Each structure stands twice: as structure tokens, then as C-alpha cells.
Amino acid sequence: MKKLLTAGSVCAAAVLAITVAAPGALADVAPEHAINVCQSASFYQNFDSATQQPVNLITTLYYGKKVGHTPGAQPVYDGWAATFDYGPQIWGYMELNCIGGYNSW
């Protein structure tokens, strides 16, 4: 019985390690507080990997707008970062170089 329990514990630990290390698990990270550091930045609904361009303009974000993005956890495609707009609480894409002031609020 003890060997069975030990084997079960090892299997459970392995499954947990695989789940935590899985790339999909990174998308579940809450975005870090940041701001738009550009005078204005276009905020798009999605990113088209075929054309390497953002699509479906949602709005323009102006300097100081509260946004969220966690480097290394939320995706960045060709300089366009998956970003959370805290105003209407929606995800979209904006230029990575316009995200700064991390943990400033």
C-alpha cells in the first residue's frame, strides 16, 4: 500500500508540474498595472497572424490611460502586446513600446 501511495504522489506531482509549466497556463496570469506612455495609442480587438497586423480598431488610448500587461506572460506579436484596458475592462492589442509605468498605480 505504501508503494502505491508513493507512486500516486509522484504521478500527482508530475501532473501538477506539467500543468504549471504548460504555455497555456501563462495566459492565466493577471496583467500587471501599467499606463499608456505614448501621447496616443491605437487599441485593437485582435491580431491577425497571417498579415502580422492588428485588426478591428476599438478606440484610441491617450497618455496616462490605465492598462495592464505582464511581460513574458501575455503574448506579444510583432511589437503588438495583448493588453487589458482597465477603463471598460476589455482585452485588446496595443504597441508594446507604449506600455510603461509598471506598478505606478
PDB file of N, CA and C in Angstrom:
ATOM      1  N   MET A   1       0.824  -1.190   0.000  1.00  0.00           N
ATOM      2  CA  MET A   1       0.000   0.000   0.000  1.00  0.00           C
ATOM      3  C   MET A   1       0.869   1.254   0.000  1.00  0.00           C
ATOM      4  N   LYS A   2       1.985   1.211   0.752  1.00  0.00           N
ATOM      5  CA  LYS A   2       2.862   2.380   0.840  1.00  0.00           C
ATOM      6  C   LYS A   2       3.475   2.695  -0.517  1.00  0.00           C
ATOM      7  N   LYS A   3       3.890   1.661  -1.275  1.00  0.00           N
ATOM      8  CA  LYS A   3       4.464   1.880  -2.603  1.00  0.00           C
ATOM      9  C   LYS A   3       3.435   2.488  -3.546  1.00  0.00           C
ATOM     10  N   LEU A   4       2.191   2.035  -3.459  1.00  0.00           N
ATOM     11  CA  LEU A   4       1.119   2.562  -4.293  1.00  0.00           C
ATOM     12  C   LEU A   4       0.860   4.024  -3.976  1.00  0.00           C
ATOM     13  N   LEU A   5       0.867   4.380  -2.708  1.00  0.00           N
ATOM     14  CA  LEU A   5       0.657   5.761  -2.289  1.00  0.00           C
ATOM     15  C   LEU A   5       1.791   6.649  -2.778  1.00  0.00           C
ATOM     16  N   THR A   6       3.022   6.168  -2.681  1.00  0.00           N
ATOM     17  CA  THR A   6       4.180   6.933  -3.137  1.00  0.00           C
ATOM     18  C   THR A   6       4.123   7.134  -4.649  1.00  0.00           C
ATOM     19  N   ALA A   7       3.788   6.099  -5.388  1.00  0.00           N
ATOM     20  CA  ALA A   7       3.688   6.214  -6.845  1.00  0.00           C
ATOM     21  C   ALA A   7       2.589   7.196  -7.222  1.00  0.00           C
ATOM     22  N   GLY A   8       1.471   7.141  -6.506  1.00  0.00           N
ATOM     23  CA  GLY A   8       0.377   8.074  -6.768  1.00  0.00           C
ATOM     24  C   GLY A   8       0.787   9.506  -6.484  1.00  0.00           C
ATOM     25  N   SER A   9       1.541   9.721  -5.429  1.00  0.00           N
ATOM     26  CA  SER A   9       2.015  11.067  -5.083  1.00  0.00           C
ATOM     27  C   SER A   9       2.951  11.600  -6.148  1.00  0.00           C
ATOM     28  N   VAL A  10       3.837  10.714  -6.645  1.00  0.00           N
ATOM     29  CA  VAL A  10       4.777  11.129  -7.691  1.00  0.00           C
ATOM     30  C   VAL A  10       4.011  11.494  -8.962  1.00  0.00           C
ATOM     31  N   CYS A  11       3.026  10.698  -9.330  1.00  0.00           N
ATOM     32  CA  CYS A  11       2.224  10.988 -10.532  1.00  0.00           C
ATOM     33  C   CYS A  11       1.469  12.307 -10.380  1.00  0.00           C
ATOM     34  N   ALA A  12       0.883  12.533  -9.217  1.00  0.00           N
ATOM     35  CA  ALA A  12       0.150  13.775  -8.986  1.00  0.00           C
ATOM     36  C   ALA A  12       1.081  14.975  -9.059  1.00  0.00           C
ATOM     37  N   ALA A  13       2.277  14.849  -8.511  1.00  0.00           N
ATOM     38  CA  ALA A  13       3.250  15.942  -8.566  1.00  0.00           C
ATOM     39  C   ALA A  13       3.688  16.204 -10.001  1.00  0.00           C
ATOM     40  N   ALA A  14       3.859  15.139 -10.786  1.00  0.00           N
ATOM     41  CA  ALA A  14       4.265  15.302 -12.185  1.00  0.00           C
ATOM     42  C   ALA A  14       3.181  16.007 -12.994  1.00  0.00           C
ATOM     43  N   VAL A  15       1.921  15.630 -12.777  1.00  0.00           N
ATOM     44  CA  VAL A  15       0.813  16.280 -13.478  1.00  0.00           C
ATOM     45  C   VAL A  15       0.748  17.751 -13.110  1.00  0.00           C
ATOM     46  N   LEU A  16       0.923  18.076 -11.840  1.00  0.00           N
ATOM     47  CA  LEU A  16       0.921  19.464 -11.393  1.00  0.00           C
ATOM     48  C   LEU A  16       2.053  20.241 -12.047  1.00  0.00           C
ATOM     49  N   ALA A  17       3.244  19.670 -12.117  1.00  0.00           N
ATOM     50  CA  ALA A  17       4.396  20.348 -12.725  1.00  0.00           C
ATOM     51  C   ALA A  17       4.161  20.602 -14.207  1.00  0.00           C
ATOM     52  N   ILE A  18       3.578  19.627 -14.900  1.00  0.00           N
ATOM     53  CA  ILE A  18       3.297  19.801 -16.329  1.00  0.00           C
ATOM     54  C   ILE A  18       2.254  20.890 -16.527  1.00  0.00           C
ATOM     55  N   THR A  19       1.225  20.915 -15.698  1.00  0.00           N
ATOM     56  CA  THR A  19       0.168  21.914 -15.824  1.00  0.00           C
ATOM     57  C   THR A  19       0.707  23.313 -15.581  1.00  0.00           C
ATOM     58  N   VAL A  20       1.531  23.489 -14.567  1.00  0.00           N
ATOM     59  CA  VAL A  20       2.072  24.808 -14.247  1.00  0.00           C
ATOM     60  C   VAL A  20       3.030  25.285 -15.325  1.00  0.00           C
ATOM     61  N   ALA A  21       3.794  24.358 -15.899  1.00  0.00           N
ATOM     62  CA  ALA A  21       4.785  24.729 -16.898  1.00  0.00           C
ATOM     63  C   ALA A  21       4.205  24.860 -18.304  1.00  0.00           C
ATOM     64  N   ALA A  22       2.973  24.439 -18.498  1.00  0.00           N
ATOM     65  CA  ALA A  22       2.374  24.482 -19.827  1.00  0.00           C
ATOM     66  C   ALA A  22       2.234  25.917 -20.314  1.00  0.00           C
ATOM     67  N   PRO A  23       2.552  26.196 -21.589  1.00  0.00           N
ATOM     68  CA  PRO A  23       2.454  27.556 -22.117  1.00  0.00           C
ATOM     69  C   PRO A  23       1.070  28.163 -21.964  1.00  0.00           C
ATOM     70  N   GLY A  24       0.019  27.385 -22.077  1.00  0.00           N
ATOM     71  CA  GLY A  24      -1.329  27.901 -21.933  1.00  0.00           C
ATOM     72  C   GLY A  24      -1.601  28.455 -20.545  1.00  0.00           C
ATOM     73  N   ALA A  25      -0.896  27.915 -19.552  1.00  0.00           N
ATOM     74  CA  ALA A  25      -1.095  28.377 -18.180  1.00  0.00           C
ATOM     75  C   ALA A  25      -0.635  29.824 -18.013  1.00  0.00           C
ATOM     76  N   LEU A  26       0.283  30.281 -18.848  1.00  0.00           N
ATOM     77  CA  LEU A  26       0.785  31.649 -18.743  1.00  0.00           C
ATOM     78  C   LEU A  26      -0.299  32.677 -19.048  1.00  0.00           C
ATOM     79  N   ALA A  27      -1.269  32.308 -19.857  1.00  0.00           N
ATOM     80  CA  ALA A  27      -2.343  33.245 -20.219  1.00  0.00           C
ATOM     81  C   ALA A  27      -3.246  33.556 -19.026  1.00  0.00           C
ATOM     82  N   ASP A  28      -3.150  32.741 -17.990  1.00  0.00           N
ATOM     83  CA  ASP A  28      -3.989  32.939 -16.818  1.00  0.00           C
ATOM     84  C   ASP A  28      -3.393  33.921 -15.815  1.00  0.00           C
ATOM     85  N   VAL A  29      -2.261  34.509 -16.125  1.00  0.00           N
ATOM     86  CA  VAL A  29      -1.603  35.458 -15.226  1.00  0.00           C
ATOM     87  C   VAL A  29      -2.324  36.799 -15.291  1.00  0.00           C
ATOM     88  N   ALA A  30      -2.625  37.353 -14.132  1.00  0.00           N
ATOM     89  CA  ALA A  30      -3.271  38.675 -14.090  1.00  0.00           C
ATOM     90  C   ALA A  30      -2.316  39.723 -14.644  1.00  0.00           C
ATOM     91  N   PRO A  31      -2.826  40.686 -15.426  1.00  0.00           N
ATOM     92  CA  PRO A  31      -1.948  41.703 -16.005  1.00  0.00           C
ATOM     93  C   PRO A  31      -1.408  42.659 -14.939  1.00  0.00           C
ATOM     94  N   GLU A  32      -0.113  43.018 -15.068  1.00  0.00           N
ATOM     95  CA  GLU A  32       0.498  43.992 -14.168  1.00  0.00           C
ATOM     96  C   GLU A  32      -0.041  45.379 -14.489  1.00  0.00           C
ATOM     97  N   HIS A  33      -0.224  46.182 -13.469  1.00  0.00           N
ATOM     98  CA  HIS A  33      -0.696  47.552 -13.668  1.00  0.00           C
ATOM     99  C   HIS A  33       0.367  48.353 -14.399  1.00  0.00           C
ATOM    100  N   ALA A  34      -0.058  49.083 -15.413  1.00  0.00           N
ATOM    101  CA  ALA A  34       0.830  49.923 -16.212  1.00  0.00           C
ATOM    102  C   ALA A  34      -0.005  51.089 -16.749  1.00  0.00           C
ATOM    103  N   ILE A  35       0.639  51.946 -17.538  1.00  0.00           N
ATOM    104  CA  ILE A  35      -0.081  53.041 -18.196  1.00  0.00           C
ATOM    105  C   ILE A  35       0.378  53.141 -19.642  1.00  0.00           C
ATOM    106  N   ASN A  36      -0.418  53.850 -20.439  1.00  0.00           N
ATOM    107  CA  ASN A  36      -0.010  54.189 -21.794  1.00  0.00           C
ATOM    108  C   ASN A  36       0.978  55.350 -21.676  1.00  0.00           C
ATOM    109  N   VAL A  37       2.199  55.171 -22.175  1.00  0.00           N
ATOM    110  CA  VAL A  37       3.214  56.222 -22.086  1.00  0.00           C
ATOM    111  C   VAL A  37       3.368  56.996 -23.391  1.00  0.00           C
ATOM    112  N   CYS A  38       2.542  56.674 -24.393  1.00  0.00           N
ATOM    113  CA  CYS A  38       2.541  57.420 -25.651  1.00  0.00           C
ATOM    114  C   CYS A  38       1.455  58.509 -25.591  1.00  0.00           C
ATOM    115  N   GLN A  39       1.601  59.531 -26.409  1.00  0.00           N
ATOM    116  CA  GLN A  39       0.566  60.573 -26.469  1.00  0.00           C
ATOM    117  C   GLN A  39      -0.779  59.960 -26.830  1.00  0.00           C
ATOM    118  N   SER A  40      -0.763  59.030 -27.777  1.00  0.00           N
ATOM    119  CA  SER A  40      -1.970  58.285 -28.133  1.00  0.00           C
ATOM    120  C   SER A  40      -1.537  56.932 -28.692  1.00  0.00           C
ATOM    121  N   ALA A  41      -2.378  55.946 -28.493  1.00  0.00           N
ATOM    122  CA  ALA A  41      -2.083  54.597 -28.982  1.00  0.00           C
ATOM    123  C   ALA A  41      -3.386  53.952 -29.445  1.00  0.00           C
ATOM    124  N   SER A  42      -3.331  53.344 -30.600  1.00  0.00           N
ATOM    125  CA  SER A  42      -4.497  52.624 -31.116  1.00  0.00           C
ATOM    126  C   SER A  42      -4.649  51.320 -30.346  1.00  0.00           C
ATOM    127  N   PHE A  43      -5.880  50.976 -30.021  1.00  0.00           N
ATOM    128  CA  PHE A  43      -6.191  49.772 -29.257  1.00  0.00           C
ATOM    129  C   PHE A  43      -7.088  48.902 -30.118  1.00  0.00           C
ATOM    130  N   TYR A  44      -6.578  47.739 -30.516  1.00  0.00           N
ATOM    131  CA  TYR A  44      -7.281  46.857 -31.448  1.00  0.00           C
ATOM    132  C   TYR A  44      -7.859  45.635 -30.750  1.00  0.00           C
ATOM    133  N   GLN A  45      -8.916  45.100 -31.335  1.00  0.00           N
ATOM    134  CA  GLN A  45      -9.605  43.940 -30.772  1.00  0.00           C
ATOM    135  C   GLN A  45      -8.779  42.665 -30.872  1.00  0.00           C
ATOM    136  N   ASN A  46      -8.024  42.492 -31.958  1.00  0.00           N
ATOM    137  CA  ASN A  46      -7.335  41.230 -32.195  1.00  0.00           C
ATOM    138  C   ASN A  46      -6.072  41.459 -33.009  1.00  0.00           C
ATOM    139  N   PHE A  47      -5.312  40.380 -33.221  1.00  0.00           N
ATOM    140  CA  PHE A  47      -4.110  40.429 -34.039  1.00  0.00           C
ATOM    141  C   PHE A  47      -4.196  39.316 -35.063  1.00  0.00           C
ATOM    142  N   ASP A  48      -4.000  39.654 -36.334  1.00  0.00           N
ATOM    143  CA  ASP A  48      -4.071  38.694 -37.428  1.00  0.00           C
ATOM    144  C   ASP A  48      -2.670  38.155 -37.693  1.00  0.00           C
ATOM    145  N   SER A  49      -2.443  36.905 -37.345  1.00  0.00           N
ATOM    146  CA  SER A  49      -1.105  36.333 -37.513  1.00  0.00           C
ATOM    147  C   SER A  49      -0.728  36.159 -38.986  1.00  0.00           C
ATOM    148  N   ALA A  50      -1.702  36.062 -39.874  1.00  0.00           N
ATOM    149  CA  ALA A  50      -1.416  35.908 -41.301  1.00  0.00           C
ATOM    150  C   ALA A  50      -0.833  37.190 -41.894  1.00  0.00           C
ATOM    151  N   THR A  51      -1.389  38.334 -41.509  1.00  0.00           N
ATOM    152  CA  THR A  51      -0.911  39.608 -42.048  1.00  0.00           C
ATOM    153  C   THR A  51       0.082  40.303 -41.120  1.00  0.00           C
ATOM    154  N   GLN A  52       0.240  39.768 -39.903  1.00  0.00           N
ATOM    155  CA  GLN A  52       1.108  40.361 -38.881  1.00  0.00           C
ATOM    156  C   GLN A  52       0.687  41.796 -38.544  1.00  0.00           C
ATOM    157  N   GLN A  53      -0.631  42.023 -38.548  1.00  0.00           N
ATOM    158  CA  GLN A  53      -1.184  43.335 -38.247  1.00  0.00           C
ATOM    159  C   GLN A  53      -2.351  43.204 -37.262  1.00  0.00           C
ATOM    160  N   PRO A  54      -2.538  44.213 -36.416  1.00  0.00           N
ATOM    161  CA  PRO A  54      -3.725  44.215 -35.563  1.00  0.00           C
ATOM    162  C   PRO A  54      -4.958  44.510 -36.410  1.00  0.00           C
ATOM    163  N   VAL A  55      -6.118  44.038 -35.932  1.00  0.00           N
ATOM    164  CA  VAL A  55      -7.370  44.249 -36.671  1.00  0.00           C
ATOM    165  C   VAL A  55      -8.475  44.713 -35.735  1.00  0.00           C
ATOM    166  N   ASN A  56      -9.454  45.372 -36.308  1.00  0.00           N
ATOM    167  CA  ASN A  56     -10.657  45.847 -35.613  1.00  0.00           C
ATOM    168  C   ASN A  56     -10.330  46.876 -34.519  1.00  0.00           C
ATOM    169  N   LEU A  57     -10.078  48.089 -34.955  1.00  0.00           N
ATOM    170  CA  LEU A  57      -9.789  49.174 -34.021  1.00  0.00           C
ATOM    171  C   LEU A  57     -10.949  49.352 -33.043  1.00  0.00           C
ATOM    172  N   ILE A  58     -10.639  49.356 -31.752  1.00  0.00           N
ATOM    173  CA  ILE A  58     -11.656  49.562 -30.720  1.00  0.00           C
ATOM    174  C   ILE A  58     -11.730  51.036 -30.343  1.00  0.00           C
ATOM    175  N   THR A  59     -10.569  51.619 -30.028  1.00  0.00           N
ATOM    176  CA  THR A  59     -10.524  53.004 -29.572  1.00  0.00           C
ATOM    177  C   THR A  59      -9.087  53.510 -29.602  1.00  0.00           C
ATOM    178  N   THR A  60      -8.899  54.750 -29.228  1.00  0.00           N
ATOM    179  CA  THR A  60      -7.573  55.321 -29.055  1.00  0.00           C
ATOM    180  C   THR A  60      -7.372  55.569 -27.567  1.00  0.00           C
ATOM    181  N   LEU A  61      -6.244  55.110 -27.067  1.00  0.00           N
ATOM    182  CA  LEU A  61      -5.904  55.319 -25.658  1.00  0.00           C
ATOM    183  C   LEU A  61      -4.923  56.482 -25.576  1.00  0.00           C
ATOM    184  N   TYR A  62      -5.140  57.385 -24.645  1.00  0.00           N
ATOM    185  CA  TYR A  62      -4.281  58.564 -24.511  1.00  0.00           C
ATOM    186  C   TYR A  62      -3.329  58.422 -23.329  1.00  0.00           C
ATOM    187  N   TYR A  63      -2.325  59.283 -23.298  1.00  0.00           N
ATOM    188  CA  TYR A  63      -1.280  59.223 -22.277  1.00  0.00           C
ATOM    189  C   TYR A  63      -1.886  59.102 -20.873  1.00  0.00           C
ATOM    190  N   GLY A  64      -1.330  58.192 -20.095  1.00  0.00           N
ATOM    191  CA  GLY A  64      -1.759  58.016 -18.718  1.00  0.00           C
ATOM    192  C   GLY A  64      -2.903  57.037 -18.524  1.00  0.00           C
ATOM    193  N   LYS A  65      -3.492  56.539 -19.614  1.00  0.00           N
ATOM    194  CA  LYS A  65      -4.598  55.580 -19.512  1.00  0.00           C
ATOM    195  C   LYS A  65      -4.111  54.323 -18.796  1.00  0.00           C
ATOM    196  N   LYS A  66      -4.885  53.848 -17.821  1.00  0.00           N
ATOM    197  CA  LYS A  66      -4.508  52.666 -17.048  1.00  0.00           C
ATOM    198  C   LYS A  66      -4.746  51.406 -17.866  1.00  0.00           C
ATOM    199  N   VAL A  67      -3.670  50.652 -18.060  1.00  0.00           N
ATOM    200  CA  VAL A  67      -3.722  49.403 -18.806  1.00  0.00           C
ATOM    201  C   VAL A  67      -2.974  48.336 -18.013  1.00  0.00           C
ATOM    202  N   GLY A  68      -3.038  47.128 -18.498  1.00  0.00           N
ATOM    203  CA  GLY A  68      -2.320  46.038 -17.858  1.00  0.00           C
ATOM    204  C   GLY A  68      -1.678  45.123 -18.868  1.00  0.00           C
ATOM    205  N   HIS A  69      -0.448  44.706 -18.562  1.00  0.00           N
ATOM    206  CA  HIS A  69       0.280  43.757 -19.406  1.00  0.00           C
ATOM    207  C   HIS A  69       1.392  43.166 -18.549  1.00  0.00           C
ATOM    208  N   THR A  70       1.536  41.857 -18.578  1.00  0.00           N
ATOM    209  CA  THR A  70       2.611  41.210 -17.838  1.00  0.00           C
ATOM    210  C   THR A  70       3.634  40.678 -18.829  1.00  0.00           C
ATOM    211  N   PRO A  71       4.820  41.313 -18.890  1.00  0.00           N
ATOM    212  CA  PRO A  71       5.866  40.838 -19.805  1.00  0.00           C
ATOM    213  C   PRO A  71       6.209  39.369 -19.538  1.00  0.00           C
ATOM    214  N   GLY A  72       6.279  38.606 -20.615  1.00  0.00           N
ATOM    215  CA  GLY A  72       6.601  37.195 -20.505  1.00  0.00           C
ATOM    216  C   GLY A  72       5.398  36.306 -20.252  1.00  0.00           C
ATOM    217  N   ALA A  73       4.266  36.889 -19.905  1.00  0.00           N
ATOM    218  CA  ALA A  73       3.072  36.084 -19.642  1.00  0.00           C
ATOM    219  C   ALA A  73       1.992  36.331 -20.681  1.00  0.00           C
ATOM    220  N   GLN A  74       1.743  37.601 -21.027  1.00  0.00           N
ATOM    221  CA  GLN A  74       0.774  37.889 -22.073  1.00  0.00           C
ATOM    222  C   GLN A  74       1.532  37.996 -23.409  1.00  0.00           C
ATOM    223  N   PRO A  75       0.902  37.524 -24.486  1.00  0.00           N
ATOM    224  CA  PRO A  75       1.611  37.462 -25.768  1.00  0.00           C
ATOM    225  C   PRO A  75       1.929  38.828 -26.386  1.00  0.00           C
ATOM    226  N   VAL A  76       3.011  38.829 -27.162  1.00  0.00           N
ATOM    227  CA  VAL A  76       3.416  39.986 -27.958  1.00  0.00           C
ATOM    228  C   VAL A  76       3.686  39.459 -29.358  1.00  0.00           C
ATOM    229  N   TYR A  77       3.018  40.044 -30.345  1.00  0.00           N
ATOM    230  CA  TYR A  77       3.188  39.635 -31.735  1.00  0.00           C
ATOM    231  C   TYR A  77       3.683  40.819 -32.543  1.00  0.00           C
ATOM    232  N   ASP A  78       4.897  40.683 -33.058  1.00  0.00           N
ATOM    233  CA  ASP A  78       5.469  41.709 -33.930  1.00  0.00           C
ATOM    234  C   ASP A  78       5.347  43.113 -33.315  1.00  0.00           C
ATOM    235  N   GLY A  79       5.592  43.225 -32.014  1.00  0.00           N
ATOM    236  CA  GLY A  79       5.560  44.524 -31.339  1.00  0.00           C
ATOM    237  C   GLY A  79       4.192  44.929 -30.810  1.00  0.00           C
ATOM    238  N   TRP A  80       3.157  44.103 -31.006  1.00  0.00           N
ATOM    239  CA  TRP A  80       1.805  44.392 -30.528  1.00  0.00           C
ATOM    240  C   TRP A  80       1.513  43.486 -29.345  1.00  0.00           C
ATOM    241  N   ALA A  81       1.230  44.074 -28.205  1.00  0.00           N
ATOM    242  CA  ALA A  81       1.073  43.330 -26.962  1.00  0.00           C
ATOM    243  C   ALA A  81      -0.384  43.151 -26.572  1.00  0.00           C
ATOM    244  N   ALA A  82      -0.718  41.955 -26.126  1.00  0.00           N
ATOM    245  CA  ALA A  82      -2.034  41.712 -25.539  1.00  0.00           C
ATOM    246  C   ALA A  82      -2.104  42.551 -24.267  1.00  0.00           C
ATOM    247  N   THR A  83      -3.104  43.418 -24.194  1.00  0.00           N
ATOM    248  CA  THR A  83      -3.186  44.416 -23.132  1.00  0.00           C
ATOM    249  C   THR A  83      -4.602  44.488 -22.591  1.00  0.00           C
ATOM    250  N   PHE A  84      -4.706  44.745 -21.298  1.00  0.00           N
ATOM    251  CA  PHE A  84      -6.008  44.881 -20.656  1.00  0.00           C
ATOM    252  C   PHE A  84      -6.269  46.358 -20.422  1.00  0.00           C
ATOM    253  N   ASP A  85      -7.384  46.861 -20.947  1.00  0.00           N
ATOM    254  CA  ASP A  85      -7.786  48.254 -20.731  1.00  0.00           C
ATOM    255  C   ASP A  85      -8.693  48.268 -19.509  1.00  0.00           C
ATOM    256  N   TYR A  86      -8.212  48.871 -18.421  1.00  0.00           N
ATOM    257  CA  TYR A  86      -8.969  48.863 -17.180  1.00  0.00           C
ATOM    258  C   TYR A  86     -10.220  49.747 -17.227  1.00  0.00           C
ATOM    259  N   GLY A  87     -10.305  50.650 -18.206  1.00  0.00           N
ATOM    260  CA  GLY A  87     -11.497  51.501 -18.319  1.00  0.00           C
ATOM    261  C   GLY A  87     -12.742  50.676 -18.557  1.00  0.00           C
ATOM    262  N   PRO A  88     -12.916  50.129 -19.768  1.00  0.00           N
ATOM    263  CA  PRO A  88     -14.096  49.285 -19.996  1.00  0.00           C
ATOM    264  C   PRO A  88     -13.843  47.817 -19.631  1.00  0.00           C
ATOM    265  N   GLN A  89     -12.661  47.505 -19.122  1.00  0.00           N
ATOM    266  CA  GLN A  89     -12.274  46.149 -18.731  1.00  0.00           C
ATOM    267  C   GLN A  89     -12.374  45.174 -19.893  1.00  0.00           C
ATOM    268  N   ILE A  90     -11.579  45.453 -20.936  1.00  0.00           N
ATOM    269  CA  ILE A  90     -11.534  44.580 -22.105  1.00  0.00           C
ATOM    270  C   ILE A  90     -10.090  44.322 -22.507  1.00  0.00           C
ATOM    271  N   TRP A  91      -9.868  43.187 -23.140  1.00  0.00           N
ATOM    272  CA  TRP A  91      -8.562  42.846 -23.692  1.00  0.00           C
ATOM    273  C   TRP A  91      -8.479  43.345 -25.131  1.00  0.00           C
ATOM    274  N   GLY A  92      -7.278  43.708 -25.537  1.00  0.00           N
ATOM    275  CA  GLY A  92      -7.021  44.120 -26.902  1.00  0.00           C
ATOM    276  C   GLY A  92      -5.523  44.130 -27.146  1.00  0.00           C
ATOM    277  N   TYR A  93      -5.111  44.766 -28.223  1.00  0.00           N
ATOM    278  CA  TYR A  93      -3.698  44.839 -28.587  1.00  0.00           C
ATOM    279  C   TYR A  93      -3.292  46.284 -28.797  1.00  0.00           C
ATOM    280  N   MET A  94      -2.159  46.654 -28.220  1.00  0.00           N
ATOM    281  CA  MET A  94      -1.572  47.966 -28.441  1.00  0.00           C
ATOM    282  C   MET A  94      -0.066  47.785 -28.583  1.00  0.00           C
ATOM    283  N   GLU A  95       0.603  48.806 -29.100  1.00  0.00           N
ATOM    284  CA  GLU A  95       2.039  48.698 -29.297  1.00  0.00           C
ATOM    285  C   GLU A  95       2.756  48.536 -27.960  1.00  0.00           C
ATOM    286  N   LEU A  96       3.657  47.576 -27.904  1.00  0.00           N
ATOM    287  CA  LEU A  96       4.382  47.276 -26.676  1.00  0.00           C
ATOM    288  C   LEU A  96       5.169  48.478 -26.172  1.00  0.00           C
ATOM    289  N   ASN A  97       5.743  49.267 -27.096  1.00  0.00           N
ATOM    290  CA  ASN A  97       6.551  50.414 -26.664  1.00  0.00           C
ATOM    291  C   ASN A  97       5.715  51.533 -26.052  1.00  0.00           C
ATOM    292  N   CYS A  98       4.399  51.422 -26.089  1.00  0.00           N
ATOM    293  CA  CYS A  98       3.527  52.416 -25.448  1.00  0.00           C
ATOM    294  C   CYS A  98       3.100  51.984 -24.043  1.00  0.00           C
ATOM    295  N   ILE A  99       3.564  50.833 -23.610  1.00  0.00           N
ATOM    296  CA  ILE A  99       3.223  50.346 -22.275  1.00  0.00           C
ATOM    297  C   ILE A  99       4.408  50.600 -21.355  1.00  0.00           C
ATOM    298  N   GLY A 100       4.154  51.304 -20.262  1.00  0.00           N
ATOM    299  CA  GLY A 100       5.229  51.593 -19.306  1.00  0.00           C
ATOM    300  C   GLY A 100       4.635  51.979 -17.964  1.00  0.00           C
ATOM    301  N   GLY A 101       5.457  52.561 -17.124  1.00  0.00           N
ATOM    302  CA  GLY A 101       4.975  52.973 -15.813  1.00  0.00           C
ATOM    303  C   GLY A 101       4.412  51.816 -15.018  1.00  0.00           C
ATOM    304  N   TYR A 102       5.063  50.651 -15.139  1.00  0.00           N
ATOM    305  CA  TYR A 102       4.588  49.474 -14.417  1.00  0.00           C
ATOM    306  C   TYR A 102       4.531  49.738 -12.914  1.00  0.00           C
ATOM    307  N   ASN A 103       3.462  49.252 -12.294  1.00  0.00           N
ATOM    308  CA  ASN A 103       3.234  49.388 -10.850  1.00  0.00           C
ATOM    309  C   ASN A 103       3.216  50.831 -10.377  1.00  0.00           C
ATOM    310  N   SER A 104       2.813  51.742 -11.246  1.00  0.00           N
ATOM    311  CA  SER A 104       2.764  53.170 -10.883  1.00  0.00           C
ATOM    312  C   SER A 104       1.429  53.564 -10.250  1.00  0.00           C
ATOM    313  N   TRP A 105       0.522  52.663 -10.238  1.00  0.00           N
ATOM    314  CA  TRP A 105      -0.771  52.967  -9.620  1.00  0.00           C
ATOM    315  C   TRP A 105      -1.320  51.769  -8.888  1.00  0.00           C
TER     316      TRP A 105
END
